[in-house]
Amino acid sequence: MFEVFELPFVQRGVWEVLLLAIGAGLIGTWVVLRGLAFYAHAVGTATFPGLVLADGLGFAATLGAAGTGLLVALGVGALGRQAARSGRDAERHDATTALVLCGALAIGVLLASDVFGSAASVETLLFGSLLVIDDGDLVLAGVTSAVVLLATVLLEPRWLATGFDPASARALGVRSALPDVLLLALVGLVALSVLSAVGALLATALIVVPAATTRLLVRRVRAWQVATVLLVAVEGVAGLWLSVETNAPPGATIAVLSGGAFVLAALLRAGLRRGVVRARPLPEVARA
């Protein structure tokens, strides 16, 4: 059953998942807490034009994706600050994210179809493959997780204050936009790191869905972070094993497992809530 883990390329895939689990799990909790799930999906998907440029001009795909991801992060951050001044943060932030995403995808389609003529080799980076991991991917995953862990330790109080109550955070003196800009940049960095594992289109399978799953069952922030890191690691390794056994794409397999885990957690939470409600004694008025 576990003979597949003796294969060198599978072992490298496992190491990639374990290294990514720390960064993706931690940043995923902040993404869910701050309502940045759409942004996390957008910044991953918007690397498409960078991938096309890298394929057409012959330079590193990671470099191309990093360039477009950075531009998207800066664009959304700048537009988001303007939206904050108008007092309609959530609505404007989603709108500006959608605007930047549509523009990036449109540019990518034009480059792939009209400029370079073909984007066949970009397909792997759009959907990822844990079976073709190299040393550069492992280094990027390790560095990303280390940076995210360090940023969490240093900026957690500010991110928590702004995430739970932005108005009170400003009253307490948390007014600098730099921590929020760094958070957006870190989301982009993690999205870039998971390209080789699950691709640009399935980045949320490692960044958003596991954090949303554990959020249904865990209340405390620290326990939530630990549970999310563990869930990312388990889903990644299990998805890699299942993909090899069934000859299915690793990224899609991990995404299916991630979605299935979320559904099970939601059903479990609903069942627990019904059990609690039924277990409560009826008030005296209701009994009468």
C-alpha atoms as a PDB file:
ATOM      1  CA  MET A   1       0.000   0.000   0.000  1.00  0.00           C
ATOM      2  CA  PHE A   2       2.820   2.397   0.828  1.00  0.00           C
ATOM      3  CA  GLU A   3       5.334   1.189  -1.770  1.00  0.00           C
ATOM      4  CA  VAL A   4       4.778   4.376  -3.789  1.00  0.00           C
ATOM      5  CA  PHE A   5       6.622   6.354  -1.091  1.00  0.00           C
ATOM      6  CA  GLU A   6       9.802   4.485  -1.987  1.00  0.00           C
ATOM      7  CA  LEU A   7       9.884   6.266  -5.347  1.00  0.00           C
ATOM      8  CA  PRO A   8      12.289   9.249  -5.340  1.00  0.00           C
ATOM      9  CA  PHE A   9       9.894  11.638  -7.108  1.00  0.00           C
ATOM     10  CA  VAL A  10       7.111  10.777  -4.648  1.00  0.00           C
ATOM     11  CA  GLN A  11       9.456  11.424  -1.723  1.00  0.00           C
ATOM     12  CA  ARG A  12      10.277  14.842  -3.154  1.00  0.00           C
ATOM     13  CA  GLY A  13       6.577  15.538  -3.480  1.00  0.00           C
ATOM     14  CA  VAL A  14       6.048  14.622   0.168  1.00  0.00           C
ATOM     15  CA  TRP A  15       8.828  16.983   1.241  1.00  0.00           C
ATOM     16  CA  GLU A  16       7.264  19.731  -0.857  1.00  0.00           C
ATOM     17  CA  VAL A  17       3.891  19.234   0.828  1.00  0.00           C
ATOM     18  CA  LEU A  18       5.381  19.203   4.326  1.00  0.00           C
ATOM     19  CA  LEU A  19       7.345  22.378   3.678  1.00  0.00           C
ATOM     20  CA  LEU A  20       4.360  24.136   2.122  1.00  0.00           C
ATOM     21  CA  ALA A  21       2.040  23.077   4.956  1.00  0.00           C
ATOM     22  CA  ILE A  22       3.549  25.568   7.407  1.00  0.00           C
ATOM     23  CA  GLY A  23       3.307  28.619   5.155  1.00  0.00           C
ATOM     24  CA  ALA A  24       0.002  27.693   3.502  1.00  0.00           C
ATOM     25  CA  GLY A  25      -1.612  26.682   6.794  1.00  0.00           C
ATOM     26  CA  LEU A  26      -0.590  29.815   8.679  1.00  0.00           C
ATOM     27  CA  ILE A  27      -1.373  32.275   5.915  1.00  0.00           C
ATOM     28  CA  GLY A  28      -4.654  30.455   5.268  1.00  0.00           C
ATOM     29  CA  THR A  29      -5.913  31.286   8.756  1.00  0.00           C
ATOM     30  CA  TRP A  30      -5.202  34.975   8.181  1.00  0.00           C
ATOM     31  CA  VAL A  31      -6.843  34.823   4.757  1.00  0.00           C
ATOM     32  CA  VAL A  32     -10.048  33.372   6.232  1.00  0.00           C
ATOM     33  CA  LEU A  33      -9.987  35.684   9.270  1.00  0.00           C
ATOM     34  CA  ARG A  34      -9.499  38.817   7.178  1.00  0.00           C
ATOM     35  CA  GLY A  35     -11.942  37.818   4.434  1.00  0.00           C
ATOM     36  CA  LEU A  36      -9.249  37.575   1.750  1.00  0.00           C
ATOM     37  CA  ALA A  37     -10.305  34.248   0.214  1.00  0.00           C
ATOM     38  CA  PHE A  38     -11.230  35.832  -3.111  1.00  0.00           C
ATOM     39  CA  TYR A  39      -7.993  37.781  -3.149  1.00  0.00           C
ATOM     40  CA  ALA A  40      -5.978  34.596  -2.474  1.00  0.00           C
ATOM     41  CA  HIS A  41      -7.678  32.907  -5.413  1.00  0.00           C
ATOM     42  CA  ALA A  42      -7.213  35.966  -7.605  1.00  0.00           C
ATOM     43  CA  VAL A  43      -3.505  36.442  -6.898  1.00  0.00           C
ATOM     44  CA  GLY A  44      -2.846  32.796  -7.740  1.00  0.00           C
ATOM     45  CA  THR A  45      -4.910  32.774 -10.911  1.00  0.00           C
ATOM     46  CA  ALA A  46      -3.576  36.143 -12.046  1.00  0.00           C
ATOM     47  CA  THR A  47      -0.086  34.684 -12.430  1.00  0.00           C
ATOM     48  CA  PHE A  48      -1.328  33.298 -15.762  1.00  0.00           C
ATOM     49  CA  PRO A  49       0.099  36.115 -17.937  1.00  0.00           C
ATOM     50  CA  GLY A  50       3.465  35.748 -16.189  1.00  0.00           C
ATOM     51  CA  LEU A  51       3.482  32.019 -16.941  1.00  0.00           C
ATOM     52  CA  VAL A  52       2.672  32.686 -20.582  1.00  0.00           C
ATOM     53  CA  LEU A  53       5.444  35.284 -20.854  1.00  0.00           C
ATOM     54  CA  ALA A  54       7.936  32.929 -19.234  1.00  0.00           C
ATOM     55  CA  ASP A  55       6.999  30.133 -21.619  1.00  0.00           C
ATOM     56  CA  GLY A  56       7.097  32.349 -24.694  1.00  0.00           C
ATOM     57  CA  LEU A  57      10.320  34.218 -23.886  1.00  0.00           C
ATOM     58  CA  GLY A  58      12.169  31.279 -22.356  1.00  0.00           C
ATOM     59  CA  PHE A  59      12.880  32.454 -18.808  1.00  0.00           C
ATOM     60  CA  ALA A  60      11.968  30.873 -15.457  1.00  0.00           C
ATOM     61  CA  ALA A  61       8.236  30.374 -14.961  1.00  0.00           C
ATOM     62  CA  THR A  62       8.551  31.179 -11.266  1.00  0.00           C
ATOM     63  CA  LEU A  63      10.077  34.558 -12.114  1.00  0.00           C
ATOM     64  CA  GLY A  64       7.245  35.402 -14.477  1.00  0.00           C
ATOM     65  CA  ALA A  65       4.595  34.347 -11.980  1.00  0.00           C
ATOM     66  CA  ALA A  66       6.336  36.325  -9.215  1.00  0.00           C
ATOM     67  CA  GLY A  67       6.328  39.472 -11.324  1.00  0.00           C
ATOM     68  CA  THR A  68       2.636  39.362 -12.164  1.00  0.00           C
ATOM     69  CA  GLY A  69       1.719  38.236  -8.636  1.00  0.00           C
ATOM     70  CA  LEU A  70       3.568  41.233  -7.199  1.00  0.00           C
ATOM     71  CA  LEU A  71       1.820  43.598  -9.586  1.00  0.00           C
ATOM     72  CA  VAL A  72      -1.560  42.153  -8.611  1.00  0.00           C
ATOM     73  CA  ALA A  73      -0.762  42.467  -4.891  1.00  0.00           C
ATOM     74  CA  LEU A  74       0.358  46.081  -5.310  1.00  0.00           C
ATOM     75  CA  GLY A  75      -2.633  46.939  -7.474  1.00  0.00           C
ATOM     76  CA  VAL A  76      -5.181  45.433  -5.096  1.00  0.00           C
ATOM     77  CA  GLY A  77      -3.429  46.995  -2.107  1.00  0.00           C
ATOM     78  CA  ALA A  78      -3.444  50.469  -3.654  1.00  0.00           C
ATOM     79  CA  LEU A  79      -7.075  50.241  -4.735  1.00  0.00           C
ATOM     80  CA  GLY A  80      -8.023  48.769  -1.354  1.00  0.00           C
ATOM     81  CA  ARG A  81      -6.521  51.741   0.494  1.00  0.00           C
ATOM     82  CA  GLN A  82      -8.581  54.089  -1.654  1.00  0.00           C
ATOM     83  CA  ALA A  83     -11.676  52.016  -0.866  1.00  0.00           C
ATOM     84  CA  ALA A  84     -10.919  52.189   2.856  1.00  0.00           C
ATOM     85  CA  ARG A  85     -11.022  55.970   2.734  1.00  0.00           C
ATOM     86  CA  SER A  86     -14.539  55.788   1.276  1.00  0.00           C
ATOM     87  CA  GLY A  87     -15.823  53.698   4.211  1.00  0.00           C
ATOM     88  CA  ARG A  88     -16.960  50.709   2.108  1.00  0.00           C
ATOM     89  CA  ASP A  89     -14.023  48.347   2.583  1.00  0.00           C
ATOM     90  CA  ALA A  90     -15.524  44.913   1.967  1.00  0.00           C
ATOM     91  CA  GLU A  91     -17.612  45.800  -1.079  1.00  0.00           C
ATOM     92  CA  ARG A  92     -14.914  47.873  -2.759  1.00  0.00           C
ATOM     93  CA  HIS A  93     -12.138  45.397  -1.939  1.00  0.00           C
ATOM     94  CA  ASP A  94     -13.954  42.539  -3.683  1.00  0.00           C
ATOM     95  CA  ALA A  95     -14.769  44.761  -6.644  1.00  0.00           C
ATOM     96  CA  THR A  96     -11.195  45.951  -7.092  1.00  0.00           C
ATOM     97  CA  THR A  97      -9.869  42.395  -6.727  1.00  0.00           C
ATOM     98  CA  ALA A  98     -12.265  41.200  -9.426  1.00  0.00           C
ATOM     99  CA  LEU A  99     -11.202  44.087 -11.662  1.00  0.00           C
ATOM    100  CA  VAL A 100      -7.506  43.254 -11.342  1.00  0.00           C
ATOM    101  CA  LEU A 101      -8.169  39.519 -11.818  1.00  0.00           C
ATOM    102  CA  CYS A 102     -10.190  40.023 -14.997  1.00  0.00           C
ATOM    103  CA  GLY A 103      -7.525  42.313 -16.416  1.00  0.00           C
ATOM    104  CA  ALA A 104      -4.742  39.831 -15.706  1.00  0.00           C
ATOM    105  CA  LEU A 105      -6.672  36.918 -17.225  1.00  0.00           C
ATOM    106  CA  ALA A 106      -7.522  38.962 -20.307  1.00  0.00           C
ATOM    107  CA  ILE A 107      -3.869  39.869 -20.829  1.00  0.00           C
ATOM    108  CA  GLY A 108      -2.865  36.229 -20.360  1.00  0.00           C
ATOM    109  CA  VAL A 109      -5.382  35.017 -22.951  1.00  0.00           C
ATOM    110  CA  LEU A 110      -4.228  37.620 -25.467  1.00  0.00           C
ATOM    111  CA  LEU A 111      -0.587  36.695 -24.943  1.00  0.00           C
ATOM    112  CA  ALA A 112      -1.266  32.968 -25.220  1.00  0.00           C
ATOM    113  CA  SER A 113      -3.513  33.107 -28.267  1.00  0.00           C
ATOM    114  CA  ASP A 114      -2.295  36.073 -30.325  1.00  0.00           C
ATOM    115  CA  VAL A 115       1.320  36.786 -29.333  1.00  0.00           C
ATOM    116  CA  PHE A 116       2.920  33.404 -28.649  1.00  0.00           C
ATOM    117  CA  GLY A 117       0.356  31.207 -30.408  1.00  0.00           C
ATOM    118  CA  SER A 118       0.320  28.363 -27.880  1.00  0.00           C
ATOM    119  CA  ALA A 119       0.169  27.894 -24.150  1.00  0.00           C
ATOM    120  CA  ALA A 120       0.309  24.106 -24.032  1.00  0.00           C
ATOM    121  CA  SER A 121       3.347  23.953 -21.745  1.00  0.00           C
ATOM    122  CA  VAL A 122       1.700  26.414 -19.339  1.00  0.00           C
ATOM    123  CA  GLU A 123      -0.946  23.807 -18.474  1.00  0.00           C
ATOM    124  CA  THR A 124       1.310  22.090 -15.951  1.00  0.00           C
ATOM    125  CA  LEU A 125       1.793  25.312 -14.000  1.00  0.00           C
ATOM    126  CA  LEU A 126      -1.900  26.147 -14.167  1.00  0.00           C
ATOM    127  CA  PHE A 127      -2.809  22.834 -12.525  1.00  0.00           C
ATOM    128  CA  GLY A 128       0.509  21.850 -10.924  1.00  0.00           C
ATOM    129  CA  SER A 129       2.193  18.493 -10.420  1.00  0.00           C
ATOM    130  CA  LEU A 130       3.853  17.249  -7.249  1.00  0.00           C
ATOM    131  CA  LEU A 131       5.531  14.557  -9.333  1.00  0.00           C
ATOM    132  CA  VAL A 132       7.969  16.954 -11.040  1.00  0.00           C
ATOM    133  CA  ILE A 133       9.311  18.837  -8.004  1.00  0.00           C
ATOM    134  CA  ASP A 134      12.937  20.000  -8.196  1.00  0.00           C
ATOM    135  CA  ASP A 135      15.396  21.492  -5.698  1.00  0.00           C
ATOM    136  CA  GLY A 136      14.329  25.033  -6.524  1.00  0.00           C
ATOM    137  CA  ASP A 137      10.719  24.252  -5.612  1.00  0.00           C
ATOM    138  CA  LEU A 138      11.797  22.785  -2.259  1.00  0.00           C
ATOM    139  CA  VAL A 139      13.956  25.804  -1.455  1.00  0.00           C
ATOM    140  CA  LEU A 140      11.153  28.216  -2.363  1.00  0.00           C
ATOM    141  CA  ALA A 141       8.665  26.300  -0.201  1.00  0.00           C
ATOM    142  CA  GLY A 142      11.046  26.258   2.769  1.00  0.00           C
ATOM    143  CA  VAL A 143      11.908  29.953   2.511  1.00  0.00           C
ATOM    144  CA  THR A 144       8.248  30.906   2.104  1.00  0.00           C
ATOM    145  CA  SER A 145       7.196  28.969   5.196  1.00  0.00           C
ATOM    146  CA  ALA A 146      10.038  30.491   7.226  1.00  0.00           C
ATOM    147  CA  VAL A 147       9.065  34.031   6.160  1.00  0.00           C
ATOM    148  CA  VAL A 148       5.376  33.451   6.916  1.00  0.00           C
ATOM    149  CA  LEU A 149       6.199  31.955  10.333  1.00  0.00           C
ATOM    150  CA  LEU A 150       8.437  34.913  11.201  1.00  0.00           C
ATOM    151  CA  ALA A 151       5.848  37.444  10.037  1.00  0.00           C
ATOM    152  CA  THR A 152       3.146  35.693  12.073  1.00  0.00           C
ATOM    153  CA  VAL A 153       5.256  35.896  15.220  1.00  0.00           C
ATOM    154  CA  LEU A 154       6.040  39.588  14.695  1.00  0.00           C
ATOM    155  CA  LEU A 155       2.753  40.903  13.305  1.00  0.00           C
ATOM    156  CA  GLU A 156       0.140  38.599  14.826  1.00  0.00           C
ATOM    157  CA  PRO A 157      -1.157  41.159  17.383  1.00  0.00           C
ATOM    158  CA  ARG A 158      -1.736  43.784  14.688  1.00  0.00           C
ATOM    159  CA  TRP A 159      -3.323  41.304  12.278  1.00  0.00           C
ATOM    160  CA  LEU A 160      -5.598  40.004  15.039  1.00  0.00           C
ATOM    161  CA  ALA A 161      -6.672  43.471  16.129  1.00  0.00           C
ATOM    162  CA  THR A 162      -7.463  44.573  12.583  1.00  0.00           C
ATOM    163  CA  GLY A 163      -9.113  41.255  11.736  1.00  0.00           C
ATOM    164  CA  PHE A 164     -11.519  41.131  14.668  1.00  0.00           C
ATOM    165  CA  ASP A 165     -12.411  44.816  15.018  1.00  0.00           C
ATOM    166  CA  PRO A 166     -10.870  47.306  12.550  1.00  0.00           C
ATOM    167  CA  ALA A 167     -12.547  50.322  14.149  1.00  0.00           C
ATOM    168  CA  SER A 168     -11.242  49.506  17.626  1.00  0.00           C
ATOM    169  CA  ALA A 169      -7.811  48.729  16.200  1.00  0.00           C
ATOM    170  CA  ARG A 170      -7.578  52.244  14.766  1.00  0.00           C
ATOM    171  CA  ALA A 171      -8.677  53.701  18.099  1.00  0.00           C
ATOM    172  CA  LEU A 172      -5.929  51.725  19.843  1.00  0.00           C
ATOM    173  CA  GLY A 173      -3.286  53.158  17.530  1.00  0.00           C
ATOM    174  CA  VAL A 174      -3.019  50.416  14.874  1.00  0.00           C
ATOM    175  CA  ARG A 175      -3.212  52.814  11.955  1.00  0.00           C
ATOM    176  CA  SER A 176      -0.245  51.936   9.766  1.00  0.00           C
ATOM    177  CA  ALA A 177      -1.128  50.260   6.472  1.00  0.00           C
ATOM    178  CA  LEU A 178       2.230  48.455   6.292  1.00  0.00           C
ATOM    179  CA  PRO A 179       1.139  45.274   8.170  1.00  0.00           C
ATOM    180  CA  ASP A 180      -1.839  44.859   5.848  1.00  0.00           C
ATOM    181  CA  VAL A 181       0.343  45.420   2.779  1.00  0.00           C
ATOM    182  CA  LEU A 182       2.779  42.799   4.065  1.00  0.00           C
ATOM    183  CA  LEU A 183      -0.104  40.377   4.569  1.00  0.00           C
ATOM    184  CA  LEU A 184      -1.215  40.830   0.965  1.00  0.00           C
ATOM    185  CA  ALA A 185       2.372  40.326  -0.203  1.00  0.00           C
ATOM    186  CA  LEU A 186       2.715  37.143   1.859  1.00  0.00           C
ATOM    187  CA  VAL A 187      -0.490  35.755   0.367  1.00  0.00           C
ATOM    188  CA  GLY A 188       1.025  36.350  -3.050  1.00  0.00           C
ATOM    189  CA  LEU A 189       4.283  34.680  -2.003  1.00  0.00           C
ATOM    190  CA  VAL A 190       2.478  31.571  -0.753  1.00  0.00           C
ATOM    191  CA  ALA A 191       0.346  31.462  -3.912  1.00  0.00           C
ATOM    192  CA  LEU A 192       3.572  31.541  -5.917  1.00  0.00           C
ATOM    193  CA  SER A 193       5.072  28.735  -3.828  1.00  0.00           C
ATOM    194  CA  VAL A 194       2.155  26.367  -4.371  1.00  0.00           C
ATOM    195  CA  LEU A 195       2.262  26.732  -8.171  1.00  0.00           C
ATOM    196  CA  SER A 196       4.450  23.662  -8.571  1.00  0.00           C
ATOM    197  CA  ALA A 197       2.219  21.609  -6.254  1.00  0.00           C
ATOM    198  CA  VAL A 198      -1.365  22.408  -7.261  1.00  0.00           C
ATOM    199  CA  GLY A 199      -1.005  25.138  -9.887  1.00  0.00           C
ATOM    200  CA  ALA A 200      -2.354  28.643 -10.172  1.00  0.00           C
ATOM    201  CA  LEU A 201      -5.997  27.649 -10.608  1.00  0.00           C
ATOM    202  CA  LEU A 202      -6.080  25.319  -7.585  1.00  0.00           C
ATOM    203  CA  ALA A 203      -4.012  27.362  -5.121  1.00  0.00           C
ATOM    204  CA  THR A 204      -7.001  27.796  -2.817  1.00  0.00           C
ATOM    205  CA  ALA A 205      -7.026  24.032  -2.214  1.00  0.00           C
ATOM    206  CA  LEU A 206      -3.980  24.496   0.018  1.00  0.00           C
ATOM    207  CA  ILE A 207      -4.380  28.115   1.126  1.00  0.00           C
ATOM    208  CA  VAL A 208      -8.076  28.715   1.812  1.00  0.00           C
ATOM    209  CA  VAL A 209     -10.083  25.479   2.030  1.00  0.00           C
ATOM    210  CA  PRO A 210      -8.105  23.770   4.858  1.00  0.00           C
ATOM    211  CA  ALA A 211      -8.280  26.907   7.007  1.00  0.00           C
ATOM    212  CA  ALA A 212     -12.012  27.226   6.324  1.00  0.00           C
ATOM    213  CA  THR A 213     -12.433  23.548   7.255  1.00  0.00           C
ATOM    214  CA  THR A 214     -10.679  23.749  10.619  1.00  0.00           C
ATOM    215  CA  ARG A 215     -12.435  27.050  11.367  1.00  0.00           C
ATOM    216  CA  LEU A 216     -15.695  25.112  11.571  1.00  0.00           C
ATOM    217  CA  LEU A 217     -14.393  22.978  14.441  1.00  0.00           C
ATOM    218  CA  VAL A 218     -11.816  25.108  16.295  1.00  0.00           C
ATOM    219  CA  ARG A 219     -12.371  28.386  18.140  1.00  0.00           C
ATOM    220  CA  ARG A 220      -8.978  29.476  19.490  1.00  0.00           C
ATOM    221  CA  VAL A 221      -6.568  31.093  17.038  1.00  0.00           C
ATOM    222  CA  ARG A 222      -3.464  29.122  18.039  1.00  0.00           C
ATOM    223  CA  ALA A 223      -5.276  25.777  17.902  1.00  0.00           C
ATOM    224  CA  TRP A 224      -6.793  26.843  14.584  1.00  0.00           C
ATOM    225  CA  GLN A 225      -3.356  27.541  13.103  1.00  0.00           C
ATOM    226  CA  VAL A 226      -1.886  24.228  14.287  1.00  0.00           C
ATOM    227  CA  ALA A 227      -4.902  22.266  13.055  1.00  0.00           C
ATOM    228  CA  THR A 228      -4.735  23.952   9.647  1.00  0.00           C
ATOM    229  CA  VAL A 229      -1.022  23.210   9.186  1.00  0.00           C
ATOM    230  CA  LEU A 230      -1.633  19.554  10.070  1.00  0.00           C
ATOM    231  CA  LEU A 231      -4.641  19.326   7.750  1.00  0.00           C
ATOM    232  CA  VAL A 232      -2.702  20.787   4.806  1.00  0.00           C
ATOM    233  CA  ALA A 233       0.061  18.227   5.386  1.00  0.00           C
ATOM    234  CA  VAL A 234      -2.364  15.298   5.672  1.00  0.00           C
ATOM    235  CA  GLU A 235      -4.429  16.281   2.633  1.00  0.00           C
ATOM    236  CA  GLY A 236      -1.306  16.915   0.571  1.00  0.00           C
ATOM    237  CA  VAL A 237       0.359  13.595   1.366  1.00  0.00           C
ATOM    238  CA  ALA A 238      -2.901  11.653   1.024  1.00  0.00           C
ATOM    239  CA  GLY A 239      -3.682  13.359  -2.267  1.00  0.00           C
ATOM    240  CA  LEU A 240      -0.200  12.611  -3.598  1.00  0.00           C
ATOM    241  CA  TRP A 241      -0.497   8.935  -2.647  1.00  0.00           C
ATOM    242  CA  LEU A 242      -3.989   8.639  -4.133  1.00  0.00           C
ATOM    243  CA  SER A 243      -2.966  10.345  -7.362  1.00  0.00           C
ATOM    244  CA  VAL A 244      -0.124   7.875  -7.902  1.00  0.00           C
ATOM    245  CA  GLU A 245      -2.351   4.901  -7.083  1.00  0.00           C
ATOM    246  CA  THR A 246      -5.150   6.045  -9.405  1.00  0.00           C
ATOM    247  CA  ASN A 247      -2.979   7.737 -12.058  1.00  0.00           C
ATOM    248  CA  ALA A 248      -4.831  11.029 -11.483  1.00  0.00           C
ATOM    249  CA  PRO A 249      -3.410  14.593 -11.466  1.00  0.00           C
ATOM    250  CA  PRO A 250      -2.011  15.389  -7.981  1.00  0.00           C
ATOM    251  CA  GLY A 251      -3.344  18.944  -7.833  1.00  0.00           C
ATOM    252  CA  ALA A 252      -6.899  17.956  -8.724  1.00  0.00           C
ATOM    253  CA  THR A 253      -6.788  15.006  -6.313  1.00  0.00           C
ATOM    254  CA  ILE A 254      -5.682  17.240  -3.432  1.00  0.00           C
ATOM    255  CA  ALA A 255      -8.403  19.748  -4.323  1.00  0.00           C
ATOM    256  CA  VAL A 256     -11.075  17.024  -4.248  1.00  0.00           C
ATOM    257  CA  LEU A 257      -9.851  15.729  -0.875  1.00  0.00           C
ATOM    258  CA  SER A 258      -9.757  19.268   0.485  1.00  0.00           C
ATOM    259  CA  GLY A 259     -13.314  19.947  -0.631  1.00  0.00           C
ATOM    260  CA  GLY A 260     -14.501  16.609   0.747  1.00  0.00           C
ATOM    261  CA  ALA A 261     -12.929  17.335   4.136  1.00  0.00           C
ATOM    262  CA  PHE A 262     -14.710  20.687   4.239  1.00  0.00           C
ATOM    263  CA  VAL A 263     -18.070  19.042   3.524  1.00  0.00           C
ATOM    264  CA  LEU A 264     -17.503  16.443   6.257  1.00  0.00           C
ATOM    265  CA  ALA A 265     -16.518  19.158   8.757  1.00  0.00           C
ATOM    266  CA  ALA A 266     -19.614  21.182   7.880  1.00  0.00           C
ATOM    267  CA  LEU A 267     -21.856  18.133   8.338  1.00  0.00           C
ATOM    268  CA  LEU A 268     -20.147  17.303  11.638  1.00  0.00           C
ATOM    269  CA  ARG A 269     -20.625  20.830  12.915  1.00  0.00           C
ATOM    270  CA  ALA A 270     -24.286  20.829  11.875  1.00  0.00           C
ATOM    271  CA  GLY A 271     -24.787  17.496  13.645  1.00  0.00           C
ATOM    272  CA  LEU A 272     -23.129  18.735  16.801  1.00  0.00           C
ATOM    273  CA  ARG A 273     -25.291  21.858  16.796  1.00  0.00           C
ATOM    274  CA  ARG A 274     -28.483  19.828  16.437  1.00  0.00           C
ATOM    275  CA  GLY A 275     -27.339  17.555  19.249  1.00  0.00           C
ATOM    276  CA  VAL A 276     -26.687  20.519  21.536  1.00  0.00           C
ATOM    277  CA  VAL A 277     -30.075  22.052  20.773  1.00  0.00           C
ATOM    278  CA  ARG A 278     -31.895  18.774  21.438  1.00  0.00           C
ATOM    279  CA  ALA A 279     -29.959  18.208  24.654  1.00  0.00           C
ATOM    280  CA  ARG A 280     -31.019  21.538  26.173  1.00  0.00           C
ATOM    281  CA  PRO A 281     -33.907  21.270  28.683  1.00  0.00           C
ATOM    282  CA  LEU A 282     -37.105  23.018  27.717  1.00  0.00           C
ATOM    283  CA  PRO A 283     -37.886  26.288  29.538  1.00  0.00           C
ATOM    284  CA  GLU A 284     -40.629  26.178  32.159  1.00  0.00           C
ATOM    285  CA  VAL A 285     -42.978  28.170  29.926  1.00  0.00           C
ATOM    286  CA  ALA A 286     -42.506  25.729  27.060  1.00  0.00           C
ATOM    287  CA  ARG A 287     -43.130  22.770  29.380  1.00  0.00           C
ATOM    288  CA  ALA A 288     -46.349  24.296  30.602  1.00  0.00           C
END
